[in-house]
Amino acid sequence: MARVNPGEFLRQVRSESAKIVWPTRRETMVTAIMVVIMTALLATFFFGIDSAFSAIVQALLGLLS
């Protein structure tokens, strides 16, 4: 890997930094809302699955005693 002097490195960093495109406030809000919605849906799904498996295990353990 080629070594670059500090001045050239800083020029390259400044050049690459100029290419960054930050999301707008609206895009950030829409993305955050989608994350919250998907998290709630997955939490509900896994709660249902966990409850179903818990009921199955409790029923099976009830048969053994």
PDB file of N, CA and C in Angstrom:
ATOM      1  N   MET A   1       0.844  -1.166   0.000  1.00  0.00           N
ATOM      2  CA  MET A   1       0.000   0.000   0.000  1.00  0.00           C
ATOM      3  C   MET A   1       0.890   1.229   0.000  1.00  0.00           C
ATOM      4  N   ALA A   2       0.588   2.165  -0.873  1.00  0.00           N
ATOM      5  CA  ALA A   2       1.414   3.361  -1.014  1.00  0.00           C
ATOM      6  C   ALA A   2       1.205   4.296   0.171  1.00  0.00           C
ATOM      7  N   ARG A   3       2.303   4.909   0.603  1.00  0.00           N
ATOM      8  CA  ARG A   3       2.217   5.878   1.693  1.00  0.00           C
ATOM      9  C   ARG A   3       1.911   7.245   1.101  1.00  0.00           C
ATOM     10  N   VAL A   4       1.055   7.975   1.792  1.00  0.00           N
ATOM     11  CA  VAL A   4       0.657   9.303   1.344  1.00  0.00           C
ATOM     12  C   VAL A   4       1.048  10.291   2.434  1.00  0.00           C
ATOM     13  N   ASN A   5       1.617  11.438   2.033  1.00  0.00           N
ATOM     14  CA  ASN A   5       2.001  12.408   3.055  1.00  0.00           C
ATOM     15  C   ASN A   5       0.758  13.040   3.675  1.00  0.00           C
ATOM     16  N   PRO A   6       0.887  13.607   4.867  1.00  0.00           N
ATOM     17  CA  PRO A   6      -0.285  14.140   5.580  1.00  0.00           C
ATOM     18  C   PRO A   6      -1.069  15.199   4.797  1.00  0.00           C
ATOM     19  N   GLY A   7      -0.393  16.049   4.068  1.00  0.00           N
ATOM     20  CA  GLY A   7      -1.085  17.077   3.284  1.00  0.00           C
ATOM     21  C   GLY A   7      -1.970  16.467   2.206  1.00  0.00           C
ATOM     22  N   GLU A   8      -1.436  15.482   1.494  1.00  0.00           N
ATOM     23  CA  GLU A   8      -2.212  14.794   0.445  1.00  0.00           C
ATOM     24  C   GLU A   8      -3.374  14.035   1.061  1.00  0.00           C
ATOM     25  N   PHE A   9      -3.135  13.414   2.209  1.00  0.00           N
ATOM     26  CA  PHE A   9      -4.200  12.692   2.900  1.00  0.00           C
ATOM     27  C   PHE A   9      -5.355  13.631   3.246  1.00  0.00           C
ATOM     28  N   LEU A  10      -5.047  14.790   3.789  1.00  0.00           N
ATOM     29  CA  LEU A  10      -6.092  15.753   4.147  1.00  0.00           C
ATOM     30  C   LEU A  10      -6.849  16.242   2.916  1.00  0.00           C
ATOM     31  N   ARG A  11      -6.144  16.444   1.806  1.00  0.00           N
ATOM     32  CA  ARG A  11      -6.824  16.841   0.557  1.00  0.00           C
ATOM     33  C   ARG A  11      -7.788  15.745   0.096  1.00  0.00           C
ATOM     34  N   GLN A  12      -7.346  14.497   0.203  1.00  0.00           N
ATOM     35  CA  GLN A  12      -8.205  13.387  -0.192  1.00  0.00           C
ATOM     36  C   GLN A  12      -9.423  13.281   0.729  1.00  0.00           C
ATOM     37  N   VAL A  13      -9.217  13.475   2.021  1.00  0.00           N
ATOM     38  CA  VAL A  13     -10.328  13.425   2.973  1.00  0.00           C
ATOM     39  C   VAL A  13     -11.319  14.532   2.654  1.00  0.00           C
ATOM     40  N   ARG A  14     -10.845  15.744   2.402  1.00  0.00           N
ATOM     41  CA  ARG A  14     -11.727  16.860   2.081  1.00  0.00           C
ATOM     42  C   ARG A  14     -12.495  16.582   0.782  1.00  0.00           C
ATOM     43  N   SER A  15     -11.808  15.998  -0.198  1.00  0.00           N
ATOM     44  CA  SER A  15     -12.452  15.668  -1.468  1.00  0.00           C
ATOM     45  C   SER A  15     -13.548  14.630  -1.273  1.00  0.00           C
ATOM     46  N   GLU A  16     -13.270  13.583  -0.494  1.00  0.00           N
ATOM     47  CA  GLU A  16     -14.267  12.545  -0.253  1.00  0.00           C
ATOM     48  C   GLU A  16     -15.416  13.067   0.611  1.00  0.00           C
ATOM     49  N   SER A  17     -15.111  13.930   1.564  1.00  0.00           N
ATOM     50  CA  SER A  17     -16.152  14.498   2.429  1.00  0.00           C
ATOM     51  C   SER A  17     -17.141  15.335   1.631  1.00  0.00           C
ATOM     52  N   ALA A  18     -16.672  15.954   0.563  1.00  0.00           N
ATOM     53  CA  ALA A  18     -17.560  16.776  -0.264  1.00  0.00           C
ATOM     54  C   ALA A  18     -18.579  15.922  -1.005  1.00  0.00           C
ATOM     55  N   LYS A  19     -18.319  14.623  -1.146  1.00  0.00           N
ATOM     56  CA  LYS A  19     -19.224  13.725  -1.879  1.00  0.00           C
ATOM     57  C   LYS A  19     -20.355  13.188  -1.007  1.00  0.00           C
ATOM     58  N   ILE A  20     -20.299  13.424   0.297  1.00  0.00           N
ATOM     59  CA  ILE A  20     -21.312  12.895   1.210  1.00  0.00           C
ATOM     60  C   ILE A  20     -22.637  13.601   0.973  1.00  0.00           C
ATOM     61  N   VAL A  21     -23.702  12.814   0.850  1.00  0.00           N
ATOM     62  CA  VAL A  21     -25.056  13.364   0.696  1.00  0.00           C
ATOM     63  C   VAL A  21     -25.843  12.951   1.941  1.00  0.00           C
ATOM     64  N   TRP A  22     -26.164  13.928   2.777  1.00  0.00           N
ATOM     65  CA  TRP A  22     -26.897  13.648   4.004  1.00  0.00           C
ATOM     66  C   TRP A  22     -28.379  13.563   3.703  1.00  0.00           C
ATOM     67  N   PRO A  23     -29.105  12.703   4.419  1.00  0.00           N
ATOM     68  CA  PRO A  23     -30.552  12.614   4.195  1.00  0.00           C
ATOM     69  C   PRO A  23     -31.242  13.888   4.695  1.00  0.00           C
ATOM     70  N   THR A  24     -32.372  14.178   4.086  1.00  0.00           N
ATOM     71  CA  THR A  24     -33.137  15.341   4.521  1.00  0.00           C
ATOM     72  C   THR A  24     -33.825  15.020   5.852  1.00  0.00           C
ATOM     73  N   ARG A  25     -34.352  16.040   6.486  1.00  0.00           N
ATOM     74  CA  ARG A  25     -35.059  15.840   7.762  1.00  0.00           C
ATOM     75  C   ARG A  25     -36.264  14.928   7.545  1.00  0.00           C
ATOM     76  N   ARG A  26     -36.967  15.123   6.431  1.00  0.00           N
ATOM     77  CA  ARG A  26     -38.145  14.296   6.136  1.00  0.00           C
ATOM     78  C   ARG A  26     -37.755  12.833   5.944  1.00  0.00           C
ATOM     79  N   GLU A  27     -36.688  12.578   5.187  1.00  0.00           N
ATOM     80  CA  GLU A  27     -36.226  11.202   4.981  1.00  0.00           C
ATOM     81  C   GLU A  27     -35.844  10.547   6.305  1.00  0.00           C
ATOM     82  N   THR A  28     -35.203  11.304   7.181  1.00  0.00           N
ATOM     83  CA  THR A  28     -34.811  10.777   8.473  1.00  0.00           C
ATOM     84  C   THR A  28     -36.037  10.439   9.311  1.00  0.00           C
ATOM     85  N   MET A  29     -37.032  11.314   9.298  1.00  0.00           N
ATOM     86  CA  MET A  29     -38.250  11.066  10.071  1.00  0.00           C
ATOM     87  C   MET A  29     -39.015   9.855   9.537  1.00  0.00           C
ATOM     88  N   VAL A  30     -39.144   9.745   8.220  1.00  0.00           N
ATOM     89  CA  VAL A  30     -39.858   8.609   7.616  1.00  0.00           C
ATOM     90  C   VAL A  30     -39.146   7.306   7.965  1.00  0.00           C
ATOM     91  N   THR A  31     -37.828   7.311   7.877  1.00  0.00           N
ATOM     92  CA  THR A  31     -37.061   6.110   8.208  1.00  0.00           C
ATOM     93  C   THR A  31     -37.231   5.747   9.680  1.00  0.00           C
ATOM     94  N   ALA A  32     -37.174   6.731  10.558  1.00  0.00           N
ATOM     95  CA  ALA A  32     -37.337   6.470  11.994  1.00  0.00           C
ATOM     96  C   ALA A  32     -38.723   5.907  12.290  1.00  0.00           C
ATOM     97  N   ILE A  33     -39.748   6.446  11.658  1.00  0.00           N
ATOM     98  CA  ILE A  33     -41.112   5.952  11.871  1.00  0.00           C
ATOM     99  C   ILE A  33     -41.241   4.513  11.374  1.00  0.00           C
ATOM    100  N   MET A  34     -40.647   4.223  10.230  1.00  0.00           N
ATOM    101  CA  MET A  34     -40.692   2.856   9.706  1.00  0.00           C
ATOM    102  C   MET A  34     -39.989   1.883  10.648  1.00  0.00           C
ATOM    103  N   VAL A  35     -38.886   2.300  11.240  1.00  0.00           N
ATOM    104  CA  VAL A  35     -38.173   1.440  12.195  1.00  0.00           C
ATOM    105  C   VAL A  35     -39.050   1.157  13.401  1.00  0.00           C
ATOM    106  N   VAL A  36     -39.720   2.183  13.917  1.00  0.00           N
ATOM    107  CA  VAL A  36     -40.598   1.989  15.073  1.00  0.00           C
ATOM    108  C   VAL A  36     -41.745   1.042  14.724  1.00  0.00           C
ATOM    109  N   ILE A  37     -42.356   1.220  13.545  1.00  0.00           N
ATOM    110  CA  ILE A  37     -43.466   0.357  13.123  1.00  0.00           C
ATOM    111  C   ILE A  37     -42.997  -1.089  12.976  1.00  0.00           C
ATOM    112  N   MET A  38     -41.878  -1.295  12.310  1.00  0.00           N
ATOM    113  CA  MET A  38     -41.382  -2.664  12.107  1.00  0.00           C
ATOM    114  C   MET A  38     -40.994  -3.305  13.436  1.00  0.00           C
ATOM    115  N   THR A  39     -40.423  -2.527  14.347  1.00  0.00           N
ATOM    116  CA  THR A  39     -40.064  -3.063  15.661  1.00  0.00           C
ATOM    117  C   THR A  39     -41.318  -3.496  16.417  1.00  0.00           C
ATOM    118  N   ALA A  40     -42.363  -2.684  16.353  1.00  0.00           N
ATOM    119  CA  ALA A  40     -43.622  -3.035  17.033  1.00  0.00           C
ATOM    120  C   ALA A  40     -44.234  -4.293  16.417  1.00  0.00           C
ATOM    121  N   LEU A  41     -44.225  -4.390  15.088  1.00  0.00           N
ATOM    122  CA  LEU A  41     -44.770  -5.582  14.431  1.00  0.00           C
ATOM    123  C   LEU A  41     -43.991  -6.837  14.806  1.00  0.00           C
ATOM    124  N   LEU A  42     -42.676  -6.738  14.787  1.00  0.00           N
ATOM    125  CA  LEU A  42     -41.867  -7.913  15.145  1.00  0.00           C
ATOM    126  C   LEU A  42     -42.039  -8.274  16.611  1.00  0.00           C
ATOM    127  N   ALA A  43     -42.133  -7.281  17.484  1.00  0.00           N
ATOM    128  CA  ALA A  43     -42.348  -7.567  18.911  1.00  0.00           C
ATOM    129  C   ALA A  43     -43.668  -8.289  19.112  1.00  0.00           C
ATOM    130  N   THR A  44     -44.703  -7.840  18.419  1.00  0.00           N
ATOM    131  CA  THR A  44     -46.012  -8.490  18.519  1.00  0.00           C
ATOM    132  C   THR A  44     -45.953  -9.927  17.987  1.00  0.00           C
ATOM    133  N   PHE A  45     -45.299 -10.096  16.854  1.00  0.00           N
ATOM    134  CA  PHE A  45     -45.157 -11.429  16.263  1.00  0.00           C
ATOM    135  C   PHE A  45     -44.439 -12.384  17.211  1.00  0.00           C
ATOM    136  N   PHE A  46     -43.282 -11.954  17.731  1.00  0.00           N
ATOM    137  CA  PHE A  46     -42.521 -12.836  18.611  1.00  0.00           C
ATOM    138  C   PHE A  46     -43.224 -13.067  19.937  1.00  0.00           C
ATOM    139  N   PHE A  47     -43.980 -12.090  20.428  1.00  0.00           N
ATOM    140  CA  PHE A  47     -44.775 -12.303  21.640  1.00  0.00           C
ATOM    141  C   PHE A  47     -45.816 -13.397  21.390  1.00  0.00           C
ATOM    142  N   GLY A  48     -46.478 -13.359  20.230  1.00  0.00           N
ATOM    143  CA  GLY A  48     -47.467 -14.376  19.888  1.00  0.00           C
ATOM    144  C   GLY A  48     -46.845 -15.755  19.765  1.00  0.00           C
ATOM    145  N   ILE A  49     -45.719 -15.842  19.080  1.00  0.00           N
ATOM    146  CA  ILE A  49     -45.027 -17.131  18.931  1.00  0.00           C
ATOM    147  C   ILE A  49     -44.594 -17.660  20.286  1.00  0.00           C
ATOM    148  N   ASP A  50     -44.019 -16.785  21.116  1.00  0.00           N
ATOM    149  CA  ASP A  50     -43.565 -17.196  22.443  1.00  0.00           C
ATOM    150  C   ASP A  50     -44.736 -17.668  23.302  1.00  0.00           C
ATOM    151  N   SER A  51     -45.858 -16.955  23.215  1.00  0.00           N
ATOM    152  CA  SER A  51     -47.041 -17.355  23.983  1.00  0.00           C
ATOM    153  C   SER A  51     -47.561 -18.717  23.520  1.00  0.00           C
ATOM    154  N   ALA A  52     -47.570 -18.934  22.217  1.00  0.00           N
ATOM    155  CA  ALA A  52     -48.034 -20.212  21.683  1.00  0.00           C
ATOM    156  C   ALA A  52     -47.131 -21.353  22.141  1.00  0.00           C
ATOM    157  N   PHE A  53     -45.822 -21.173  22.038  1.00  0.00           N
ATOM    158  CA  PHE A  53     -44.899 -22.223  22.481  1.00  0.00           C
ATOM    159  C   PHE A  53     -45.011 -22.447  23.985  1.00  0.00           C
ATOM    160  N   SER A  54     -45.201 -21.381  24.734  1.00  0.00           N
ATOM    161  CA  SER A  54     -45.363 -21.516  26.180  1.00  0.00           C
ATOM    162  C   SER A  54     -46.601 -22.349  26.504  1.00  0.00           C
ATOM    163  N   ALA A  55     -47.698 -22.086  25.811  1.00  0.00           N
ATOM    164  CA  ALA A  55     -48.927 -22.854  26.043  1.00  0.00           C
ATOM    165  C   ALA A  55     -48.730 -24.315  25.669  1.00  0.00           C
ATOM    166  N   ILE A  56     -48.022 -24.568  24.579  1.00  0.00           N
ATOM    167  CA  ILE A  56     -47.767 -25.948  24.154  1.00  0.00           C
ATOM    168  C   ILE A  56     -46.923 -26.678  25.194  1.00  0.00           C
ATOM    169  N   VAL A  57     -45.863 -26.033  25.655  1.00  0.00           N
ATOM    170  CA  VAL A  57     -44.993 -26.656  26.653  1.00  0.00           C
ATOM    171  C   VAL A  57     -45.764 -26.896  27.955  1.00  0.00           C
ATOM    172  N   GLN A  58     -46.558 -25.916  28.380  1.00  0.00           N
ATOM    173  CA  GLN A  58     -47.347 -26.094  29.607  1.00  0.00           C
ATOM    174  C   GLN A  58     -48.332 -27.263  29.461  1.00  0.00           C
ATOM    175  N   ALA A  59     -48.943 -27.393  28.287  1.00  0.00           N
ATOM    176  CA  ALA A  59     -49.870 -28.503  28.047  1.00  0.00           C
ATOM    177  C   ALA A  59     -49.133 -29.843  28.091  1.00  0.00           C
ATOM    178  N   LEU A  60     -47.953 -29.893  27.472  1.00  0.00           N
ATOM    179  CA  LEU A  60     -47.190 -31.131  27.490  1.00  0.00           C
ATOM    180  C   LEU A  60     -46.727 -31.478  28.904  1.00  0.00           C
ATOM    181  N   LEU A  61     -46.291 -30.486  29.668  1.00  0.00           N
ATOM    182  CA  LEU A  61     -45.883 -30.750  31.032  1.00  0.00           C
ATOM    183  C   LEU A  61     -47.074 -31.168  31.906  1.00  0.00           C
ATOM    184  N   GLY A  62     -48.255 -30.656  31.594  1.00  0.00           N
ATOM    185  CA  GLY A  62     -49.459 -31.057  32.314  1.00  0.00           C
ATOM    186  C   GLY A  62     -49.803 -32.497  32.075  1.00  0.00           C
ATOM    187  N   LEU A  63     -49.480 -33.029  30.901  1.00  0.00           N
ATOM    188  CA  LEU A  63     -49.750 -34.430  30.588  1.00  0.00           C
ATOM    189  C   LEU A  63     -48.831 -35.367  31.365  1.00  0.00           C
ATOM    190  N   LEU A  64     -47.639 -34.890  31.699  1.00  0.00           N
ATOM    191  CA  LEU A  64     -46.669 -35.736  32.377  1.00  0.00           C
ATOM    192  C   LEU A  64     -46.939 -35.871  33.851  1.00  0.00           C
ATOM    193  N   SER A  65     -47.615 -34.913  34.458  1.00  0.00           N
ATOM    194  CA  SER A  65     -47.810 -34.987  35.908  1.00  0.00           C
ATOM    195  C   SER A  65     -49.147 -35.539  36.303  1.00  0.00           C
TER     196      SER A  65
END
